C-alpha atoms as a PDB file:
ATOM      1  CA  MET A   1    -105.868  30.919  91.367  1.00  0.00           C
ATOM      2  CA  SER A   2    -107.982  31.658  94.387  1.00  0.00           C
ATOM      3  CA  LEU A   3    -108.048  34.888  96.327  1.00  0.00           C
ATOM      4  CA  ARG A   4    -106.720  34.900  99.854  1.00  0.00           C
ATOM      5  CA  THR A   5    -108.320  36.440 102.874  1.00  0.00           C
ATOM      6  CA  ARG A   6    -106.192  39.127 104.379  1.00  0.00           C
ATOM      7  CA  GLY A   7    -105.309  40.748 107.600  1.00  0.00           C
ATOM      8  CA  SER A   8    -104.300  44.345 108.123  1.00  0.00           C
ATOM      9  CA  ALA A   9    -101.080  45.447 109.715  1.00  0.00           C
ATOM     10  CA  ALA A  10    -102.519  48.976 109.796  1.00  0.00           C
ATOM     11  CA  VAL A  11    -105.509  47.844 111.888  1.00  0.00           C
ATOM     12  CA  ASP A  12    -103.270  45.896 114.260  1.00  0.00           C
ATOM     13  CA  LYS A  13    -100.926  48.869 114.655  1.00  0.00           C
ATOM     14  CA  ALA A  14    -103.846  51.293 115.094  1.00  0.00           C
ATOM     15  CA  GLN A  15    -105.413  49.177 117.841  1.00  0.00           C
ATOM     16  CA  LEU A  16    -102.147  49.199 119.760  1.00  0.00           C
ATOM     17  CA  ARG A  17    -101.723  52.930 119.181  1.00  0.00           C
ATOM     18  CA  LEU A  18    -105.297  53.544 120.359  1.00  0.00           C
ATOM     19  CA  ALA A  19    -104.607  51.711 123.621  1.00  0.00           C
ATOM     20  CA  LEU A  20    -101.423  53.743 124.121  1.00  0.00           C
ATOM     21  CA  LEU A  21    -103.175  57.036 123.371  1.00  0.00           C
ATOM     22  CA  LYS A  22    -105.957  56.153 125.822  1.00  0.00           C
ATOM     23  CA  SER A  23    -103.296  55.684 128.491  1.00  0.00           C
ATOM     24  CA  ILE A  24    -102.514  59.399 128.096  1.00  0.00           C
ATOM     25  CA  ASP A  25    -106.129  60.538 128.287  1.00  0.00           C
ATOM     26  CA  GLU A  26    -109.409  58.702 127.588  1.00  0.00           C
ATOM     27  CA  ASN A  27    -110.789  61.867 125.940  1.00  0.00           C
ATOM     28  CA  LEU A  28    -107.592  63.034 124.201  1.00  0.00           C
ATOM     29  CA  ASP A  29    -108.285  65.819 121.680  1.00  0.00           C
ATOM     30  CA  LEU A  30    -105.310  66.979 119.622  1.00  0.00           C
ATOM     31  CA  GLY A  31    -107.386  69.434 117.541  1.00  0.00           C
ATOM     32  CA  HIS A  32    -108.319  69.415 113.855  1.00  0.00           C
ATOM     33  CA  GLY A  33    -110.478  66.304 114.282  1.00  0.00           C
ATOM     34  CA  LEU A  34    -107.708  64.231 115.874  1.00  0.00           C
ATOM     35  CA  THR A  35    -109.667  62.742 118.764  1.00  0.00           C
ATOM     36  CA  ILE A  36    -109.712  59.335 120.430  1.00  0.00           C
ATOM     37  CA  GLU A  37    -113.345  58.991 119.388  1.00  0.00           C
ATOM     38  CA  ALA A  38    -112.647  59.698 115.673  1.00  0.00           C
ATOM     39  CA  TYR A  39    -109.590  57.432 115.700  1.00  0.00           C
ATOM     40  CA  ASN A  40    -111.520  54.604 117.361  1.00  0.00           C
ATOM     41  CA  HIS A  41    -114.372  55.067 114.861  1.00  0.00           C
ATOM     42  CA  LEU A  42    -111.997  54.789 111.884  1.00  0.00           C
ATOM     43  CA  VAL A  43    -110.302  51.690 113.352  1.00  0.00           C
ATOM     44  CA  ASN A  44    -113.695  50.020 113.795  1.00  0.00           C
ATOM     45  CA  ILE A  45    -114.891  50.926 110.287  1.00  0.00           C
ATOM     46  CA  THR A  46    -111.650  49.630 108.766  1.00  0.00           C
ATOM     47  CA  ARG A  47    -111.891  46.378 110.735  1.00  0.00           C
ATOM     48  CA  ALA A  48    -115.532  45.894 109.664  1.00  0.00           C
ATOM     49  CA  THR A  49    -114.647  46.573 106.031  1.00  0.00           C
ATOM     50  CA  LEU A  50    -111.815  44.053 106.215  1.00  0.00           C
ATOM     51  CA  GLU A  51    -114.141  41.452 107.718  1.00  0.00           C
ATOM     52  CA  ALA A  52    -116.702  42.118 104.962  1.00  0.00           C
ATOM     53  CA  HIS A  53    -113.948  41.750 102.361  1.00  0.00           C
ATOM     54  CA  ASN A  54    -112.819  38.421 103.818  1.00  0.00           C
ATOM     55  CA  THR A  55    -116.421  37.185 103.884  1.00  0.00           C
ATOM     56  CA  LEU A  56    -116.807  38.080 100.204  1.00  0.00           C
ATOM     57  CA  VAL A  57    -113.556  36.289  99.374  1.00  0.00           C
ATOM     58  CA  SER A  58    -114.784  33.200 101.207  1.00  0.00           C
ATOM     59  CA  ASN A  59    -118.127  33.311  99.402  1.00  0.00           C
ATOM     60  CA  LEU A  60    -116.370  33.834  96.078  1.00  0.00           C
ATOM     61  CA  GLU A  61    -114.182  30.771  96.675  1.00  0.00           C
ATOM     62  CA  GLU A  62    -117.267  28.727  97.514  1.00  0.00           C
ATOM     63  CA  SER A  63    -118.980  29.996  94.365  1.00  0.00           C
ATOM     64  CA  ARG A  64    -115.898  29.178  92.261  1.00  0.00           C
ATOM     65  CA  LYS A  65    -115.909  25.602  93.563  1.00  0.00           C
ATOM     66  CA  THR A  66    -119.636  25.285  92.855  1.00  0.00           C
ATOM     67  CA  VAL A  67    -119.216  26.535  89.286  1.00  0.00           C
ATOM     68  CA  THR A  68    -116.287  24.172  88.726  1.00  0.00           C
ATOM     69  CA  GLN A  69    -118.326  21.211  89.985  1.00  0.00           C
ATOM     70  CA  MET A  70    -121.354  22.200  87.897  1.00  0.00           C
ATOM     71  CA  ASP A  71    -119.133  22.547  84.828  1.00  0.00           C
ATOM     72  CA  LYS A  72    -117.700  19.065  85.405  1.00  0.00           C
ATOM     73  CA  THR A  73    -121.180  17.593  85.900  1.00  0.00           C
ATOM     74  CA  LEU A  74    -122.430  19.268  82.711  1.00  0.00           C
ATOM     75  CA  SER A  75    -119.454  17.972  80.702  1.00  0.00           C
ATOM     76  CA  GLU A  76    -120.070  14.445  81.965  1.00  0.00           C
ATOM     77  CA  MET A  77    -123.750  14.604  81.051  1.00  0.00           C
ATOM     78  CA  SER A  78    -122.914  16.004  77.608  1.00  0.00           C
ATOM     79  CA  GLU A  79    -120.687  12.983  76.986  1.00  0.00           C
ATOM     80  CA  ARG A  80    -123.391  10.642  78.246  1.00  0.00           C
ATOM     81  CA  MET A  81    -125.982  12.282  75.978  1.00  0.00           C
ATOM     82  CA  LEU A  82    -123.727  11.814  72.948  1.00  0.00           C
ATOM     83  CA  SER A  83    -123.028   8.212  73.975  1.00  0.00           C
ATOM     84  CA  GLY A  84    -126.775   7.635  74.280  1.00  0.00           C
ATOM     85  CA  VAL A  85    -127.326   8.912  70.745  1.00  0.00           C
ATOM     86  CA  ALA A  86    -124.488   6.646  69.555  1.00  0.00           C
ATOM     87  CA  THR A  87    -126.070   3.666  71.321  1.00  0.00           C
ATOM     88  CA  ILE A  88    -129.486   4.222  69.788  1.00  0.00           C
ATOM     89  CA  TYR A  89    -128.596   5.494  66.308  1.00  0.00           C
ATOM     90  CA  GLY A  90    -124.970   4.372  65.827  1.00  0.00           C
ATOM     91  CA  ARG A  91    -121.742   6.340  65.507  1.00  0.00           C
ATOM     92  CA  ASN A  92    -122.038   6.592  61.719  1.00  0.00           C
ATOM     93  CA  SER A  93    -125.604   7.937  61.734  1.00  0.00           C
ATOM     94  CA  ILE A  94    -126.756  11.389  60.734  1.00  0.00           C
ATOM     95  CA  GLU A  95    -128.321  11.764  64.204  1.00  0.00           C
ATOM     96  CA  TYR A  96    -124.920  11.233  65.827  1.00  0.00           C
ATOM     97  CA  SER A  97    -123.454  13.966  63.624  1.00  0.00           C
ATOM     98  CA  LYS A  98    -126.373  16.267  64.440  1.00  0.00           C
ATOM     99  CA  ALA A  99    -125.722  15.717  68.162  1.00  0.00           C
ATOM    100  CA  GLY A 100    -122.154  16.900  67.725  1.00  0.00           C
ATOM    101  CA  GLY A 101    -120.410  13.581  67.263  1.00  0.00           C
ATOM    102  CA  SER A 102    -117.789  13.250  64.597  1.00  0.00           C
ATOM    103  CA  ASN A 103    -117.508  10.503  62.095  1.00  0.00           C
ATOM    104  CA  GLY A 104    -114.314   8.465  62.345  1.00  0.00           C
ATOM    105  CA  LYS A 105    -113.806   8.837  58.598  1.00  0.00           C
ATOM    106  CA  ARG A 106    -113.775  12.630  58.819  1.00  0.00           C
ATOM    107  CA  ASN A 107    -111.781  12.813  62.026  1.00  0.00           C
ATOM    108  CA  LYS A 108    -108.139  12.352  61.100  1.00  0.00           C
ATOM    109  CA  LYS A 109    -106.779  13.533  64.405  1.00  0.00           C
ATOM    110  CA  TYR A 110    -104.160  10.843  64.699  1.00  0.00           C
ATOM    111  CA  SER A 111    -102.670  10.794  61.228  1.00  0.00           C
ATOM    112  CA  SER A 112     -99.013   9.883  61.345  1.00  0.00           C
ATOM    113  CA  LYS A 113     -96.348  11.677  59.380  1.00  0.00           C
ATOM    114  CA  VAL A 114     -93.826   9.371  57.764  1.00  0.00           C
ATOM    115  CA  ALA A 115     -90.341  10.695  57.138  1.00  0.00           C
ATOM    116  CA  PRO A 116     -89.243  10.432  53.506  1.00  0.00           C
ATOM    117  CA  VAL A 117     -86.859   7.620  52.706  1.00  0.00           C
ATOM    118  CA  VAL A 118     -83.614   8.688  51.079  1.00  0.00           C
ATOM    119  CA  ALA A 119     -81.732   6.156  49.045  1.00  0.00           C
ATOM    120  CA  VAL A 120     -77.975   6.376  48.672  1.00  0.00           C
ATOM    121  CA  LEU A 121     -76.823   5.239  45.268  1.00  0.00           C
ATOM    122  CA  PRO A 122     -73.885   2.853  45.246  1.00  0.00           C
ATOM    123  CA  THR A 123     -71.845   5.356  43.223  1.00  0.00           C
ATOM    124  CA  GLN A 124     -72.507   8.128  45.708  1.00  0.00           C
ATOM    125  CA  SER A 125     -71.170   8.105  49.233  1.00  0.00           C
ATOM    126  CA  ALA A 126     -73.345   8.915  52.240  1.00  0.00           C
ATOM    127  CA  GLN A 127     -71.224  11.965  53.072  1.00  0.00           C
ATOM    128  CA  ALA A 128     -71.658  13.341  49.572  1.00  0.00           C
ATOM    129  CA  THR A 129     -75.418  12.959  49.943  1.00  0.00           C
ATOM    130  CA  ILE A 130     -75.393  14.847  53.238  1.00  0.00           C
ATOM    131  CA  ALA A 131     -73.119  17.531  51.771  1.00  0.00           C
ATOM    132  CA  ASN A 132     -75.717  18.183  49.066  1.00  0.00           C
ATOM    133  CA  ALA A 133     -78.484  18.645  51.648  1.00  0.00           C
ATOM    134  CA  SER A 134     -80.703  21.707  51.646  1.00  0.00           C
ATOM    135  CA  THR A 135     -82.024  23.325  54.785  1.00  0.00           C
ATOM    136  CA  ASN A 136     -85.121  25.353  55.387  1.00  0.00           C
ATOM    137  CA  GLY A 137     -84.048  26.580  58.796  1.00  0.00           C
ATOM    138  CA  LYS A 138     -85.754  23.809  60.731  1.00  0.00           C
ATOM    139  CA  SER A 139     -84.266  20.581  59.509  1.00  0.00           C
ATOM    140  CA  THR A 140     -81.942  19.142  56.943  1.00  0.00           C
ATOM    141  CA  THR A 141     -83.342  17.299  53.951  1.00  0.00           C
ATOM    142  CA  PRO A 142     -80.823  15.376  51.845  1.00  0.00           C
ATOM    143  CA  LEU A 143     -81.113  15.875  48.100  1.00  0.00           C
ATOM    144  CA  LEU A 144     -80.559  13.068  45.657  1.00  0.00           C
ATOM    145  CA  GLN A 145     -78.816  13.805  42.398  1.00  0.00           C
END
């Protein structure tokens, strides 16, 4: 998820308000620090801060893309390094294991699970077999008698 640059409704509204207040008096002073100059200063500081924020977001997005690309490049080279060790020493060598490769004999990632075969005796009907089934909450396993 990338960050989005943002605008500011408050800055937009303040710029319009500033123009309207200036139409009353260019040097309007409402007392207690409420002056056109102070208001204009705060609008400008807020706008500059928003621009700085959006620049950081843009730089962060660029940095994120760079890190992602570097990560992909590193992963590819890691695979190539392991393949190089396999080419020179073989996939069943101790060097291949040292480099992080796994032996096919030890790697049983794709072992298949075979469902047990249930035989129905000729003297027992299929419905009787199912009626004698036990459950463990996940599946039904027929019991033979």
